[in-house]
Amino acid sequence: MIIEEISAAAVIPFGTWLVAQQGRGGFIGGLADAAAEDRTFPRAGDVEDARKWLQRRMASGDDWEALEDAELDYLSL
C-alpha cells in the first residue's frame, strides 16, 4: 500500500486560504482583509489569479510583498 502525503495547498484554493487569513495581522492579514472586502477577488483562484487582481487594483509595494509572503505560507501547508 502506497500512502501519499497531500498538502493542504493541493486541496484548498489559494484565494480561499487567503480570505481565511482575515484578522491575522501584519501584511498578510491586511491583504486578506482587502481580498475579503472585494467581491472581485478570485476566491477560487490560484496565486496567479491573485496577482492579476493586484495588478487591476494598482496595488502598492506592500501588497506585493504581502502576496509573496502569503504564497510562501500557503505552499508550506
PDB file of N, CA and C in Angstrom:
ATOM      1  N   MET A   1       0.832  -1.167   0.000  1.00  0.00           N
ATOM      2  CA  MET A   1       0.000   0.000   0.000  1.00  0.00           C
ATOM      3  C   MET A   1       0.888   1.246   0.000  1.00  0.00           C
ATOM      4  N   ILE A   2       0.622   2.154  -0.917  1.00  0.00           N
ATOM      5  CA  ILE A   2       1.376   3.400  -1.016  1.00  0.00           C
ATOM      6  C   ILE A   2       0.520   4.524  -0.431  1.00  0.00           C
ATOM      7  N   ILE A   3       1.106   5.235   0.496  1.00  0.00           N
ATOM      8  CA  ILE A   3       0.405   6.368   1.102  1.00  0.00           C
ATOM      9  C   ILE A   3       1.106   7.642   0.665  1.00  0.00           C
ATOM     10  N   GLU A   4       0.365   8.498  -0.008  1.00  0.00           N
ATOM     11  CA  GLU A   4       0.920   9.763  -0.447  1.00  0.00           C
ATOM     12  C   GLU A   4       0.480  10.864   0.503  1.00  0.00           C
ATOM     13  N   GLU A   5       1.408  11.723   0.822  1.00  0.00           N
ATOM     14  CA  GLU A   5       1.085  12.868   1.663  1.00  0.00           C
ATOM     15  C   GLU A   5       0.545  13.975   0.760  1.00  0.00           C
ATOM     16  N   ILE A   6      -0.623  14.471   1.083  1.00  0.00           N
ATOM     17  CA  ILE A   6      -1.245  15.526   0.300  1.00  0.00           C
ATOM     18  C   ILE A   6      -1.220  16.800   1.128  1.00  0.00           C
ATOM     19  N   SER A   7      -0.685  17.855   0.552  1.00  0.00           N
ATOM     20  CA  SER A   7      -0.634  19.122   1.280  1.00  0.00           C
ATOM     21  C   SER A   7      -1.982  19.831   1.179  1.00  0.00           C
ATOM     22  N   ALA A   8      -2.239  20.675   2.151  1.00  0.00           N
ATOM     23  CA  ALA A   8      -3.472  21.467   2.130  1.00  0.00           C
ATOM     24  C   ALA A   8      -3.500  22.356   0.900  1.00  0.00           C
ATOM     25  N   ALA A   9      -2.318  22.803   0.451  1.00  0.00           N
ATOM     26  CA  ALA A   9      -2.239  23.665  -0.726  1.00  0.00           C
ATOM     27  C   ALA A   9      -2.750  22.963  -1.978  1.00  0.00           C
ATOM     28  N   ALA A  10      -2.676  21.643  -1.994  1.00  0.00           N
ATOM     29  CA  ALA A  10      -3.168  20.895  -3.146  1.00  0.00           C
ATOM     30  C   ALA A  10      -4.692  20.776  -3.127  1.00  0.00           C
ATOM     31  N   VAL A  11      -5.304  21.031  -1.996  1.00  0.00           N
ATOM     32  CA  VAL A  11      -6.742  20.842  -1.837  1.00  0.00           C
ATOM     33  C   VAL A  11      -7.501  22.165  -1.737  1.00  0.00           C
ATOM     34  N   ILE A  12      -6.944  23.129  -1.025  1.00  0.00           N
ATOM     35  CA  ILE A  12      -7.607  24.407  -0.783  1.00  0.00           C
ATOM     36  C   ILE A  12      -7.089  25.436  -1.786  1.00  0.00           C
ATOM     37  N   PRO A  13      -7.974  26.070  -2.553  1.00  0.00           N
ATOM     38  CA  PRO A  13      -7.507  27.110  -3.477  1.00  0.00           C
ATOM     39  C   PRO A  13      -6.837  28.260  -2.712  1.00  0.00           C
ATOM     40  N   PHE A  14      -5.841  28.870  -3.324  1.00  0.00           N
ATOM     41  CA  PHE A  14      -5.118  29.960  -2.680  1.00  0.00           C
ATOM     42  C   PHE A  14      -6.057  31.082  -2.255  1.00  0.00           C
ATOM     43  N   GLY A  15      -6.983  31.453  -3.117  1.00  0.00           N
ATOM     44  CA  GLY A  15      -7.902  32.539  -2.795  1.00  0.00           C
ATOM     45  C   GLY A  15      -8.729  32.247  -1.555  1.00  0.00           C
ATOM     46  N   THR A  16      -9.197  31.024  -1.422  1.00  0.00           N
ATOM     47  CA  THR A  16      -9.971  30.614  -0.247  1.00  0.00           C
ATOM     48  C   THR A  16      -9.103  30.688   1.001  1.00  0.00           C
ATOM     49  N   TRP A  17      -7.884  30.190   0.891  1.00  0.00           N
ATOM     50  CA  TRP A  17      -6.959  30.219   2.021  1.00  0.00           C
ATOM     51  C   TRP A  17      -6.670  31.651   2.444  1.00  0.00           C
ATOM     52  N   LEU A  18      -6.424  32.541   1.463  1.00  0.00           N
ATOM     53  CA  LEU A  18      -6.078  33.915   1.799  1.00  0.00           C
ATOM     54  C   LEU A  18      -7.226  34.614   2.526  1.00  0.00           C
ATOM     55  N   VAL A  19      -8.436  34.466   2.043  1.00  0.00           N
ATOM     56  CA  VAL A  19      -9.587  35.098   2.698  1.00  0.00           C
ATOM     57  C   VAL A  19      -9.735  34.580   4.129  1.00  0.00           C
ATOM     58  N   ALA A  20      -9.394  33.335   4.362  1.00  0.00           N
ATOM     59  CA  ALA A  20      -9.480  32.757   5.708  1.00  0.00           C
ATOM     60  C   ALA A  20      -8.443  33.357   6.661  1.00  0.00           C
ATOM     61  N   GLN A  21      -7.489  34.105   6.133  1.00  0.00           N
ATOM     62  CA  GLN A  21      -6.453  34.718   6.961  1.00  0.00           C
ATOM     63  C   GLN A  21      -6.882  36.086   7.517  1.00  0.00           C
ATOM     64  N   GLN A  22      -8.137  36.469   7.289  1.00  0.00           N
ATOM     65  CA  GLN A  22      -8.652  37.733   7.816  1.00  0.00           C
ATOM     66  C   GLN A  22      -8.369  37.841   9.310  1.00  0.00           C
ATOM     67  N   GLY A  23      -8.016  39.027   9.750  1.00  0.00           N
ATOM     68  CA  GLY A  23      -7.787  39.263  11.156  1.00  0.00           C
ATOM     69  C   GLY A  23      -6.446  38.749  11.659  1.00  0.00           C
ATOM     70  N   ARG A  24      -5.635  38.228  10.782  1.00  0.00           N
ATOM     71  CA  ARG A  24      -4.350  37.645  11.158  1.00  0.00           C
ATOM     72  C   ARG A  24      -3.359  38.699  11.642  1.00  0.00           C
ATOM     73  N   GLY A  25      -3.464  39.891  11.143  1.00  0.00           N
ATOM     74  CA  GLY A  25      -2.488  40.928  11.473  1.00  0.00           C
ATOM     75  C   GLY A  25      -1.360  40.928  10.459  1.00  0.00           C
ATOM     76  N   GLY A  26      -0.559  41.960  10.483  1.00  0.00           N
ATOM     77  CA  GLY A  26       0.567  42.064   9.567  1.00  0.00           C
ATOM     78  C   GLY A  26       0.127  42.274   8.128  1.00  0.00           C
ATOM     79  N   PHE A  27       1.091  42.186   7.224  1.00  0.00           N
ATOM     80  CA  PHE A  27       0.814  42.408   5.811  1.00  0.00           C
ATOM     81  C   PHE A  27      -0.161  41.380   5.244  1.00  0.00           C
ATOM     82  N   ILE A  28       0.019  40.122   5.609  1.00  0.00           N
ATOM     83  CA  ILE A  28      -0.857  39.080   5.076  1.00  0.00           C
ATOM     84  C   ILE A  28      -2.288  39.298   5.555  1.00  0.00           C
ATOM     85  N   GLY A  29      -2.454  39.632   6.822  1.00  0.00           N
ATOM     86  CA  GLY A  29      -3.791  39.897   7.341  1.00  0.00           C
ATOM     87  C   GLY A  29      -4.446  41.081   6.657  1.00  0.00           C
ATOM     88  N   GLY A  30      -3.661  42.127   6.383  1.00  0.00           N
ATOM     89  CA  GLY A  30      -4.195  43.289   5.669  1.00  0.00           C
ATOM     90  C   GLY A  30      -4.618  42.943   4.263  1.00  0.00           C
ATOM     91  N   LEU A  31      -3.812  42.128   3.594  1.00  0.00           N
ATOM     92  CA  LEU A  31      -4.163  41.692   2.242  1.00  0.00           C
ATOM     93  C   LEU A  31      -5.416  40.822   2.285  1.00  0.00           C
ATOM     94  N   ALA A  32      -5.500  39.955   3.270  1.00  0.00           N
ATOM     95  CA  ALA A  32      -6.674  39.092   3.420  1.00  0.00           C
ATOM     96  C   ALA A  32      -7.929  39.920   3.674  1.00  0.00           C
ATOM     97  N   ASP A  33      -7.820  40.947   4.492  1.00  0.00           N
ATOM     98  CA  ASP A  33      -8.964  41.828   4.760  1.00  0.00           C
ATOM     99  C   ASP A  33      -9.432  42.506   3.478  1.00  0.00           C
ATOM    100  N   ALA A  34      -8.479  43.010   2.695  1.00  0.00           N
ATOM    101  CA  ALA A  34      -8.814  43.677   1.437  1.00  0.00           C
ATOM    102  C   ALA A  34      -9.453  42.697   0.449  1.00  0.00           C
ATOM    103  N   ALA A  35      -8.920  41.488   0.394  1.00  0.00           N
ATOM    104  CA  ALA A  35      -9.457  40.480  -0.513  1.00  0.00           C
ATOM    105  C   ALA A  35     -10.885  40.101  -0.111  1.00  0.00           C
ATOM    106  N   ALA A  36     -11.116  39.953   1.182  1.00  0.00           N
ATOM    107  CA  ALA A  36     -12.448  39.567   1.658  1.00  0.00           C
ATOM    108  C   ALA A  36     -13.485  40.649   1.384  1.00  0.00           C
ATOM    109  N   GLU A  37     -13.054  41.902   1.404  1.00  0.00           N
ATOM    110  CA  GLU A  37     -13.976  43.018   1.185  1.00  0.00           C
ATOM    111  C   GLU A  37     -14.269  43.267  -0.289  1.00  0.00           C
ATOM    112  N   ASP A  38     -13.433  42.729  -1.173  1.00  0.00           N
ATOM    113  CA  ASP A  38     -13.567  42.981  -2.609  1.00  0.00           C
ATOM    114  C   ASP A  38     -14.260  41.805  -3.291  1.00  0.00           C
ATOM    115  N   ARG A  39     -15.430  42.065  -3.818  1.00  0.00           N
ATOM    116  CA  ARG A  39     -16.202  40.994  -4.474  1.00  0.00           C
ATOM    117  C   ARG A  39     -15.523  40.467  -5.730  1.00  0.00           C
ATOM    118  N   THR A  40     -14.568  41.208  -6.279  1.00  0.00           N
ATOM    119  CA  THR A  40     -13.890  40.741  -7.491  1.00  0.00           C
ATOM    120  C   THR A  40     -12.693  39.848  -7.189  1.00  0.00           C
ATOM    121  N   PHE A  41     -12.335  39.698  -5.899  1.00  0.00           N
ATOM    122  CA  PHE A  41     -11.195  38.850  -5.568  1.00  0.00           C
ATOM    123  C   PHE A  41     -11.506  37.404  -5.945  1.00  0.00           C
ATOM    124  N   PRO A  42     -10.571  36.722  -6.617  1.00  0.00           N
ATOM    125  CA  PRO A  42     -10.790  35.336  -7.078  1.00  0.00           C
ATOM    126  C   PRO A  42     -10.654  34.315  -5.948  1.00  0.00           C
ATOM    127  N   ARG A  43     -11.712  34.126  -5.197  1.00  0.00           N
ATOM    128  CA  ARG A  43     -11.673  33.236  -4.031  1.00  0.00           C
ATOM    129  C   ARG A  43     -11.356  31.781  -4.394  1.00  0.00           C
ATOM    130  N   ALA A  44     -11.733  31.380  -5.574  1.00  0.00           N
ATOM    131  CA  ALA A  44     -11.437  30.010  -6.005  1.00  0.00           C
ATOM    132  C   ALA A  44     -10.186  29.958  -6.880  1.00  0.00           C
ATOM    133  N   GLY A  45      -9.472  31.062  -6.936  1.00  0.00           N
ATOM    134  CA  GLY A  45      -8.320  31.154  -7.821  1.00  0.00           C
ATOM    135  C   GLY A  45      -7.006  30.764  -7.172  1.00  0.00           C
ATOM    136  N   ASP A  46      -5.982  30.752  -8.018  1.00  0.00           N
ATOM    137  CA  ASP A  46      -4.633  30.432  -7.548  1.00  0.00           C
ATOM    138  C   ASP A  46      -3.841  31.728  -7.343  1.00  0.00           C
ATOM    139  N   VAL A  47      -2.556  31.592  -7.077  1.00  0.00           N
ATOM    140  CA  VAL A  47      -1.714  32.756  -6.808  1.00  0.00           C
ATOM    141  C   VAL A  47      -1.652  33.673  -8.026  1.00  0.00           C
ATOM    142  N   GLU A  48      -1.597  33.103  -9.215  1.00  0.00           N
ATOM    143  CA  GLU A  48      -1.558  33.929 -10.426  1.00  0.00           C
ATOM    144  C   GLU A  48      -2.822  34.773 -10.555  1.00  0.00           C
ATOM    145  N   ASP A  49      -3.958  34.211 -10.213  1.00  0.00           N
ATOM    146  CA  ASP A  49      -5.213  34.969 -10.239  1.00  0.00           C
ATOM    147  C   ASP A  49      -5.149  36.125  -9.235  1.00  0.00           C
ATOM    148  N   ALA A  50      -4.560  35.876  -8.082  1.00  0.00           N
ATOM    149  CA  ALA A  50      -4.409  36.933  -7.071  1.00  0.00           C
ATOM    150  C   ALA A  50      -3.461  38.025  -7.574  1.00  0.00           C
ATOM    151  N   ARG A  51      -2.425  37.644  -8.302  1.00  0.00           N
ATOM    152  CA  ARG A  51      -1.506  38.640  -8.873  1.00  0.00           C
ATOM    153  C   ARG A  51      -2.237  39.535  -9.875  1.00  0.00           C
ATOM    154  N   LYS A  52      -3.056  38.925 -10.705  1.00  0.00           N
ATOM    155  CA  LYS A  52      -3.825  39.697 -11.687  1.00  0.00           C
ATOM    156  C   LYS A  52      -4.786  40.646 -10.974  1.00  0.00           C
ATOM    157  N   TRP A  53      -5.378  40.181  -9.870  1.00  0.00           N
ATOM    158  CA  TRP A  53      -6.278  41.019  -9.080  1.00  0.00           C
ATOM    159  C   TRP A  53      -5.518  42.224  -8.534  1.00  0.00           C
ATOM    160  N   LEU A  54      -4.297  42.005  -8.011  1.00  0.00           N
ATOM    161  CA  LEU A  54      -3.488  43.109  -7.502  1.00  0.00           C
ATOM    162  C   LEU A  54      -3.117  44.087  -8.619  1.00  0.00           C
ATOM    163  N   GLN A  55      -2.812  43.556  -9.790  1.00  0.00           N
ATOM    164  CA  GLN A  55      -2.477  44.428 -10.925  1.00  0.00           C
ATOM    165  C   GLN A  55      -3.657  45.322 -11.276  1.00  0.00           C
ATOM    166  N   ARG A  56      -4.853  44.760 -11.323  1.00  0.00           N
ATOM    167  CA  ARG A  56      -6.045  45.557 -11.642  1.00  0.00           C
ATOM    168  C   ARG A  56      -6.292  46.642 -10.598  1.00  0.00           C
ATOM    169  N   ARG A  57      -5.916  46.369  -9.353  1.00  0.00           N
ATOM    170  CA  ARG A  57      -6.111  47.335  -8.265  1.00  0.00           C
ATOM    171  C   ARG A  57      -4.973  48.346  -8.178  1.00  0.00           C
ATOM    172  N   MET A  58      -3.943  48.191  -9.035  1.00  0.00           N
ATOM    173  CA  MET A  58      -2.759  49.044  -8.992  1.00  0.00           C
ATOM    174  C   MET A  58      -2.200  49.078  -7.567  1.00  0.00           C
ATOM    175  N   ALA A  59      -1.922  47.902  -7.054  1.00  0.00           N
ATOM    176  CA  ALA A  59      -1.506  47.705  -5.664  1.00  0.00           C
ATOM    177  C   ALA A  59      -0.149  48.338  -5.362  1.00  0.00           C
ATOM    178  N   SER A  60       0.044  48.622  -4.086  1.00  0.00           N
ATOM    179  CA  SER A  60       1.311  49.192  -3.605  1.00  0.00           C
ATOM    180  C   SER A  60       2.356  48.091  -3.429  1.00  0.00           C
ATOM    181  N   GLY A  61       3.576  48.505  -3.156  1.00  0.00           N
ATOM    182  CA  GLY A  61       4.664  47.556  -2.928  1.00  0.00           C
ATOM    183  C   GLY A  61       4.404  46.654  -1.738  1.00  0.00           C
ATOM    184  N   ASP A  62       3.782  47.195  -0.683  1.00  0.00           N
ATOM    185  CA  ASP A  62       3.470  46.387   0.497  1.00  0.00           C
ATOM    186  C   ASP A  62       2.512  45.248   0.154  1.00  0.00           C
ATOM    187  N   ASP A  63       1.561  45.529  -0.731  1.00  0.00           N
ATOM    188  CA  ASP A  63       0.609  44.486  -1.132  1.00  0.00           C
ATOM    189  C   ASP A  63       1.314  43.360  -1.882  1.00  0.00           C
ATOM    190  N   TRP A  64       2.261  43.725  -2.728  1.00  0.00           N
ATOM    191  CA  TRP A  64       3.008  42.714  -3.478  1.00  0.00           C
ATOM    192  C   TRP A  64       3.871  41.878  -2.539  1.00  0.00           C
ATOM    193  N   GLU A  65       4.475  42.535  -1.572  1.00  0.00           N
ATOM    194  CA  GLU A  65       5.276  41.816  -0.587  1.00  0.00           C
ATOM    195  C   GLU A  65       4.388  40.875   0.232  1.00  0.00           C
ATOM    196  N   ALA A  66       3.218  41.351   0.594  1.00  0.00           N
ATOM    197  CA  ALA A  66       2.272  40.522   1.353  1.00  0.00           C
ATOM    198  C   ALA A  66       1.864  39.303   0.541  1.00  0.00           C
ATOM    199  N   LEU A  67       1.653  39.480  -0.757  1.00  0.00           N
ATOM    200  CA  LEU A  67       1.272  38.345  -1.599  1.00  0.00           C
ATOM    201  C   LEU A  67       2.399  37.323  -1.664  1.00  0.00           C
ATOM    202  N   GLU A  68       3.626  37.787  -1.765  1.00  0.00           N
ATOM    203  CA  GLU A  68       4.769  36.863  -1.785  1.00  0.00           C
ATOM    204  C   GLU A  68       4.860  36.083  -0.471  1.00  0.00           C
ATOM    205  N   ASP A  69       4.692  36.792   0.643  1.00  0.00           N
ATOM    206  CA  ASP A  69       4.718  36.129   1.952  1.00  0.00           C
ATOM    207  C   ASP A  69       3.570  35.128   2.082  1.00  0.00           C
ATOM    208  N   ALA A  70       2.399  35.537   1.615  1.00  0.00           N
ATOM    209  CA  ALA A  70       1.229  34.660   1.689  1.00  0.00           C
ATOM    210  C   ALA A  70       1.445  33.405   0.843  1.00  0.00           C
ATOM    211  N   GLU A  71       2.025  33.576  -0.324  1.00  0.00           N
ATOM    212  CA  GLU A  71       2.292  32.423  -1.188  1.00  0.00           C
ATOM    213  C   GLU A  71       3.225  31.435  -0.496  1.00  0.00           C
ATOM    214  N   LEU A  72       4.269  31.945   0.149  1.00  0.00           N
ATOM    215  CA  LEU A  72       5.198  31.058   0.858  1.00  0.00           C
ATOM    216  C   LEU A  72       4.501  30.317   2.010  1.00  0.00           C
ATOM    217  N   ASP A  73       3.683  31.046   2.762  1.00  0.00           N
ATOM    218  CA  ASP A  73       2.927  30.394   3.844  1.00  0.00           C
ATOM    219  C   ASP A  73       1.998  29.325   3.309  1.00  0.00           C
ATOM    220  N   TYR A  74       1.306  29.660   2.245  1.00  0.00           N
ATOM    221  CA  TYR A  74       0.347  28.740   1.616  1.00  0.00           C
ATOM    222  C   TYR A  74       1.057  27.475   1.116  1.00  0.00           C
ATOM    223  N   LEU A  75       2.175  27.641   0.472  1.00  0.00           N
ATOM    224  CA  LEU A  75       2.886  26.485  -0.076  1.00  0.00           C
ATOM    225  C   LEU A  75       3.531  25.620   0.996  1.00  0.00           C
ATOM    226  N   SER A  76       3.707  26.189   2.187  1.00  0.00           N
ATOM    227  CA  SER A  76       4.302  25.411   3.281  1.00  0.00           C
ATOM    228  C   SER A  76       3.291  24.543   4.018  1.00  0.00           C
ATOM    229  N   LEU A  77       2.009  24.660   3.645  1.00  0.00           N
ATOM    230  CA  LEU A  77       0.979  23.861   4.315  1.00  0.00           C
ATOM    231  C   LEU A  77       1.153  22.388   4.053  1.00  0.00           C
TER     232      LEU A  77
END
